[in-house]
Amino acid sequence: MATVSPQDSGPGPSDDADQPWTYTLRLPNDPRAARIARVTLRAVLSGHGMTELTETAELLTSEMVTNALRHSDGPAQLRLRHLCESRLRVSIWDTNPLIPAPFDTPPGRLDRFTALAEAAAKVDDTNGRGLLIVRLCADNWGGYPLADDVFGISGKLLWFELAPHRSAFDIAA
């Protein structure tokens, strides 16, 4: 099931970059789910003119969906949300309540440096680096538990945010 909820600005031209939107996709615990999530993400970002974020968003979404389905028995849910200033938030819900470290605490100012050191130490590892990639590539990330009494679901929600990166010239101008 997919839920689409872009806000209607009424008749007349609109600037999609300023309009909030949210897309939700329910994913079964199936090996094809990560590919379906990537295809959906690519279509949404293309449709909203946010193609600059596509490659990184696809990589991180694939890692998070794969982790969600690998470490839970139930389905997962992908939520794509446009935030202010062309920021994208991607959230993944799954049925496993355990939030993996370090997503159980907010990122610190030195987290990217710590993540780089961890990546250097795991250079020969063949698995277990998905969330490390998220920490290295996302502008912000986090997670929180979902209790049984909230909307009738339990588990956890992990998320990351991406923003278009402006050049030094754009920032100075």
C-alpha atoms as a PDB file:
ATOM      1  CA  MET A   1       0.000   0.000   0.000  1.00  0.00           C
ATOM      2  CA  ALA A   2       1.267   3.480  -0.834  1.00  0.00           C
ATOM      3  CA  THR A   3       0.071   6.717   0.681  1.00  0.00           C
ATOM      4  CA  VAL A   4       0.619   9.957  -1.178  1.00  0.00           C
ATOM      5  CA  SER A   5      -0.097  13.246   0.518  1.00  0.00           C
ATOM      6  CA  PRO A   6       1.306  16.278  -1.283  1.00  0.00           C
ATOM      7  CA  GLN A   7      -0.507  19.412  -0.196  1.00  0.00           C
ATOM      8  CA  ASP A   8      -2.676  20.963  -2.895  1.00  0.00           C
ATOM      9  CA  SER A   9      -1.879  24.622  -3.409  1.00  0.00           C
ATOM     10  CA  GLY A  10      -5.060  25.183  -5.417  1.00  0.00           C
ATOM     11  CA  PRO A  11      -5.340  26.366  -8.991  1.00  0.00           C
ATOM     12  CA  GLY A  12      -2.488  28.256 -10.570  1.00  0.00           C
ATOM     13  CA  PRO A  13       1.255  27.823 -10.744  1.00  0.00           C
ATOM     14  CA  SER A  14       3.148  26.613  -7.721  1.00  0.00           C
ATOM     15  CA  ASP A  15       6.775  26.302  -6.783  1.00  0.00           C
ATOM     16  CA  ASP A  16       7.295  22.623  -5.893  1.00  0.00           C
ATOM     17  CA  ALA A  17      10.507  23.452  -4.035  1.00  0.00           C
ATOM     18  CA  ASP A  18       8.498  25.282  -1.366  1.00  0.00           C
ATOM     19  CA  GLN A  19       5.584  22.858  -1.046  1.00  0.00           C
ATOM     20  CA  PRO A  20       5.734  20.172   1.657  1.00  0.00           C
ATOM     21  CA  TRP A  21       4.973  16.597   0.656  1.00  0.00           C
ATOM     22  CA  THR A  22       5.089  13.113   2.117  1.00  0.00           C
ATOM     23  CA  TYR A  23       5.059   9.699   0.448  1.00  0.00           C
ATOM     24  CA  THR A  24       4.712   6.421   2.341  1.00  0.00           C
ATOM     25  CA  LEU A  25       5.365   2.946   0.980  1.00  0.00           C
ATOM     26  CA  ARG A  26       4.657  -0.278   2.888  1.00  0.00           C
ATOM     27  CA  LEU A  27       7.258  -2.947   2.092  1.00  0.00           C
ATOM     28  CA  PRO A  28       6.821  -6.671   2.726  1.00  0.00           C
ATOM     29  CA  ASN A  29       9.714  -8.641   4.150  1.00  0.00           C
ATOM     30  CA  ASP A  30      10.850  -9.623   0.666  1.00  0.00           C
ATOM     31  CA  PRO A  31      14.269  -9.553  -1.056  1.00  0.00           C
ATOM     32  CA  ARG A  32      12.872  -7.236  -3.771  1.00  0.00           C
ATOM     33  CA  ALA A  33      11.819  -4.554  -1.270  1.00  0.00           C
ATOM     34  CA  ALA A  34      15.078  -2.545  -1.367  1.00  0.00           C
ATOM     35  CA  ARG A  35      14.922  -2.297  -5.175  1.00  0.00           C
ATOM     36  CA  ILE A  36      11.272  -1.238  -5.071  1.00  0.00           C
ATOM     37  CA  ALA A  37      12.138   1.389  -2.442  1.00  0.00           C
ATOM     38  CA  ARG A  38      14.960   2.748  -4.665  1.00  0.00           C
ATOM     39  CA  VAL A  39      12.725   2.933  -7.743  1.00  0.00           C
ATOM     40  CA  THR A  40      10.019   4.722  -5.759  1.00  0.00           C
ATOM     41  CA  LEU A  41      12.528   7.147  -4.251  1.00  0.00           C
ATOM     42  CA  ARG A  42      14.019   7.934  -7.673  1.00  0.00           C
ATOM     43  CA  ALA A  43      10.556   8.645  -9.115  1.00  0.00           C
ATOM     44  CA  VAL A  44       9.578  10.905  -6.212  1.00  0.00           C
ATOM     45  CA  LEU A  45      12.800  12.926  -6.276  1.00  0.00           C
ATOM     46  CA  SER A  46      12.641  13.281 -10.054  1.00  0.00           C
ATOM     47  CA  GLY A  47       9.016  14.382  -9.909  1.00  0.00           C
ATOM     48  CA  HIS A  48       9.841  17.066  -7.351  1.00  0.00           C
ATOM     49  CA  GLY A  49      13.015  18.341  -9.032  1.00  0.00           C
ATOM     50  CA  MET A  50      15.330  17.041  -6.311  1.00  0.00           C
ATOM     51  CA  THR A  51      17.520  14.882  -8.553  1.00  0.00           C
ATOM     52  CA  GLU A  52      20.722  16.211  -6.969  1.00  0.00           C
ATOM     53  CA  LEU A  53      19.936  14.053  -3.925  1.00  0.00           C
ATOM     54  CA  THR A  54      19.058  10.882  -5.858  1.00  0.00           C
ATOM     55  CA  GLU A  55      22.322   8.909  -5.812  1.00  0.00           C
ATOM     56  CA  THR A  56      23.074   9.418  -2.133  1.00  0.00           C
ATOM     57  CA  ALA A  57      19.429   8.973  -1.125  1.00  0.00           C
ATOM     58  CA  GLU A  58      19.211   5.698  -3.088  1.00  0.00           C
ATOM     59  CA  LEU A  59      22.343   4.301  -1.456  1.00  0.00           C
ATOM     60  CA  LEU A  60      21.279   5.207   2.073  1.00  0.00           C
ATOM     61  CA  THR A  61      17.665   4.117   1.577  1.00  0.00           C
ATOM     62  CA  SER A  62      18.816   0.769   0.226  1.00  0.00           C
ATOM     63  CA  GLU A  63      21.070   0.242   3.250  1.00  0.00           C
ATOM     64  CA  MET A  64      18.342   1.177   5.721  1.00  0.00           C
ATOM     65  CA  VAL A  65      15.594  -0.905   4.066  1.00  0.00           C
ATOM     66  CA  THR A  66      17.933  -3.897   3.836  1.00  0.00           C
ATOM     67  CA  ASN A  67      18.797  -3.571   7.545  1.00  0.00           C
ATOM     68  CA  ALA A  68      15.138  -3.181   8.515  1.00  0.00           C
ATOM     69  CA  LEU A  69      14.126  -6.351   6.692  1.00  0.00           C
ATOM     70  CA  ARG A  70      17.208  -8.338   7.697  1.00  0.00           C
ATOM     71  CA  HIS A  71      16.786  -7.604  11.420  1.00  0.00           C
ATOM     72  CA  SER A  72      12.999  -7.945  11.752  1.00  0.00           C
ATOM     73  CA  ASP A  73      10.399 -10.578  10.946  1.00  0.00           C
ATOM     74  CA  GLY A  74       7.681  -8.235   9.781  1.00  0.00           C
ATOM     75  CA  PRO A  75       7.158  -5.635   7.103  1.00  0.00           C
ATOM     76  CA  ALA A  76       8.846  -2.262   6.875  1.00  0.00           C
ATOM     77  CA  GLN A  77       7.593   1.145   5.893  1.00  0.00           C
ATOM     78  CA  LEU A  78       9.451   3.799   3.908  1.00  0.00           C
ATOM     79  CA  ARG A  79       8.494   7.435   4.352  1.00  0.00           C
ATOM     80  CA  LEU A  80       9.850  10.202   2.135  1.00  0.00           C
ATOM     81  CA  ARG A  81       9.259  13.712   3.391  1.00  0.00           C
ATOM     82  CA  HIS A  82      10.222  17.102   2.003  1.00  0.00           C
ATOM     83  CA  LEU A  83      11.426  19.499   4.684  1.00  0.00           C
ATOM     84  CA  CYS A  84      12.221  23.196   4.430  1.00  0.00           C
ATOM     85  CA  GLU A  85      15.031  24.421   2.161  1.00  0.00           C
ATOM     86  CA  SER A  86      14.833  21.365  -0.147  1.00  0.00           C
ATOM     87  CA  ARG A  87      15.842  18.972   2.622  1.00  0.00           C
ATOM     88  CA  LEU A  88      14.736  15.371   2.335  1.00  0.00           C
ATOM     89  CA  ARG A  89      13.984  13.135   5.304  1.00  0.00           C
ATOM     90  CA  VAL A  90      13.835   9.395   4.693  1.00  0.00           C
ATOM     91  CA  SER A  91      12.399   7.289   7.515  1.00  0.00           C
ATOM     92  CA  ILE A  92      12.285   3.522   7.788  1.00  0.00           C
ATOM     93  CA  TRP A  93       9.974   1.816  10.279  1.00  0.00           C
ATOM     94  CA  ASP A  94      10.334  -1.848  11.165  1.00  0.00           C
ATOM     95  CA  THR A  95       8.957  -4.203  13.816  1.00  0.00           C
ATOM     96  CA  ASN A  96      12.210  -4.773  15.729  1.00  0.00           C
ATOM     97  CA  PRO A  97      12.278  -2.440  18.771  1.00  0.00           C
ATOM     98  CA  LEU A  98      16.086  -2.563  19.160  1.00  0.00           C
ATOM     99  CA  ILE A  99      17.725   0.657  17.970  1.00  0.00           C
ATOM    100  CA  PRO A 100      21.292  -0.044  16.874  1.00  0.00           C
ATOM    101  CA  ALA A 101      24.097   2.093  18.249  1.00  0.00           C
ATOM    102  CA  PRO A 102      24.836   4.882  17.588  1.00  0.00           C
ATOM    103  CA  PHE A 103      21.334   5.639  16.232  1.00  0.00           C
ATOM    104  CA  ASP A 104      20.071   5.370  19.820  1.00  0.00           C
ATOM    105  CA  THR A 105      21.669   8.750  20.657  1.00  0.00           C
ATOM    106  CA  PRO A 106      21.742  12.018  18.697  1.00  0.00           C
ATOM    107  CA  PRO A 107      24.815  12.559  16.521  1.00  0.00           C
ATOM    108  CA  GLY A 108      27.510  14.730  18.046  1.00  0.00           C
ATOM    109  CA  ARG A 109      29.660  17.358  16.386  1.00  0.00           C
ATOM    110  CA  LEU A 110      32.511  14.887  15.967  1.00  0.00           C
ATOM    111  CA  ASP A 111      30.423  11.943  14.766  1.00  0.00           C
ATOM    112  CA  ARG A 112      31.605  12.158  11.171  1.00  0.00           C
ATOM    113  CA  PHE A 113      35.219  11.976  12.384  1.00  0.00           C
ATOM    114  CA  THR A 114      34.352   9.001  14.602  1.00  0.00           C
ATOM    115  CA  ALA A 115      32.564   7.317  11.686  1.00  0.00           C
ATOM    116  CA  LEU A 116      35.621   7.827   9.451  1.00  0.00           C
ATOM    117  CA  ALA A 117      37.830   6.193  12.088  1.00  0.00           C
ATOM    118  CA  GLU A 118      35.385   3.262  12.329  1.00  0.00           C
ATOM    119  CA  ALA A 119      35.350   2.925   8.533  1.00  0.00           C
ATOM    120  CA  ALA A 120      39.149   2.778   8.463  1.00  0.00           C
ATOM    121  CA  ALA A 121      39.102   0.054  11.113  1.00  0.00           C
ATOM    122  CA  LYS A 122      36.504  -1.971   9.171  1.00  0.00           C
ATOM    123  CA  VAL A 123      38.104  -1.672   5.745  1.00  0.00           C
ATOM    124  CA  ASP A 124      38.254  -5.467   5.293  1.00  0.00           C
ATOM    125  CA  ASP A 125      34.796  -6.236   6.709  1.00  0.00           C
ATOM    126  CA  THR A 126      32.290  -7.629   4.226  1.00  0.00           C
ATOM    127  CA  ASN A 127      29.131  -6.749   6.163  1.00  0.00           C
ATOM    128  CA  GLY A 128      27.885  -4.585   9.016  1.00  0.00           C
ATOM    129  CA  ARG A 129      28.741  -1.222   7.475  1.00  0.00           C
ATOM    130  CA  GLY A 130      25.320  -0.035   6.249  1.00  0.00           C
ATOM    131  CA  LEU A 131      24.572   2.338   9.115  1.00  0.00           C
ATOM    132  CA  LEU A 132      28.182   3.507   9.043  1.00  0.00           C
ATOM    133  CA  ILE A 133      27.633   4.572   5.431  1.00  0.00           C
ATOM    134  CA  VAL A 134      24.496   6.455   6.530  1.00  0.00           C
ATOM    135  CA  ARG A 135      26.484   8.270   9.226  1.00  0.00           C
ATOM    136  CA  LEU A 136      29.181   9.245   6.719  1.00  0.00           C
ATOM    137  CA  CYS A 137      26.883  10.444   3.937  1.00  0.00           C
ATOM    138  CA  ALA A 138      23.785  11.903   5.620  1.00  0.00           C
ATOM    139  CA  ASP A 139      23.549  15.471   6.861  1.00  0.00           C
ATOM    140  CA  ASN A 140      21.631  14.319   9.928  1.00  0.00           C
ATOM    141  CA  TRP A 141      20.317  11.002  11.228  1.00  0.00           C
ATOM    142  CA  GLY A 142      18.699   9.381  14.225  1.00  0.00           C
ATOM    143  CA  GLY A 143      16.217   6.885  15.553  1.00  0.00           C
ATOM    144  CA  TYR A 144      13.569   6.382  18.172  1.00  0.00           C
ATOM    145  CA  PRO A 145      11.425   3.557  19.519  1.00  0.00           C
ATOM    146  CA  LEU A 146       7.720   3.279  18.795  1.00  0.00           C
ATOM    147  CA  ALA A 147       5.578   1.995  21.657  1.00  0.00           C
ATOM    148  CA  ASP A 148       2.669  -0.422  21.257  1.00  0.00           C
ATOM    149  CA  ASP A 149       0.084   2.190  22.130  1.00  0.00           C
ATOM    150  CA  VAL A 150       1.170   4.751  19.515  1.00  0.00           C
ATOM    151  CA  PHE A 151      -1.032   4.240  16.433  1.00  0.00           C
ATOM    152  CA  GLY A 152      -1.177   0.509  17.167  1.00  0.00           C
ATOM    153  CA  ILE A 153       2.350  -0.174  15.942  1.00  0.00           C
ATOM    154  CA  SER A 154       5.575  -0.960  17.672  1.00  0.00           C
ATOM    155  CA  GLY A 155       9.178  -1.274  16.646  1.00  0.00           C
ATOM    156  CA  LYS A 156      11.529   1.531  15.746  1.00  0.00           C
ATOM    157  CA  LEU A 157      11.952   4.332  13.272  1.00  0.00           C
ATOM    158  CA  LEU A 158      15.385   5.170  11.870  1.00  0.00           C
ATOM    159  CA  TRP A 159      15.803   8.231   9.680  1.00  0.00           C
ATOM    160  CA  PHE A 160      18.304  10.350   7.822  1.00  0.00           C
ATOM    161  CA  GLU A 161      18.239  13.757   6.175  1.00  0.00           C
ATOM    162  CA  LEU A 162      19.930  15.061   3.045  1.00  0.00           C
ATOM    163  CA  ALA A 163      20.182  18.600   1.739  1.00  0.00           C
ATOM    164  CA  PRO A 164      21.466  19.916  -1.553  1.00  0.00           C
ATOM    165  CA  HIS A 165      25.064  21.019  -1.136  1.00  0.00           C
ATOM    166  CA  ARG A 166      25.729  24.514  -2.328  1.00  0.00           C
ATOM    167  CA  SER A 167      29.028  25.587  -3.722  1.00  0.00           C
ATOM    168  CA  ALA A 168      31.189  28.106  -1.878  1.00  0.00           C
ATOM    169  CA  PHE A 169      30.290  30.651  -4.558  1.00  0.00           C
ATOM    170  CA  ASP A 170      26.549  30.237  -3.869  1.00  0.00           C
ATOM    171  CA  ILE A 171      27.096  30.616  -0.126  1.00  0.00           C
ATOM    172  CA  ALA A 172      29.193  33.764  -0.551  1.00  0.00           C
ATOM    173  CA  ALA A 173      26.794  35.370  -3.024  1.00  0.00           C
END
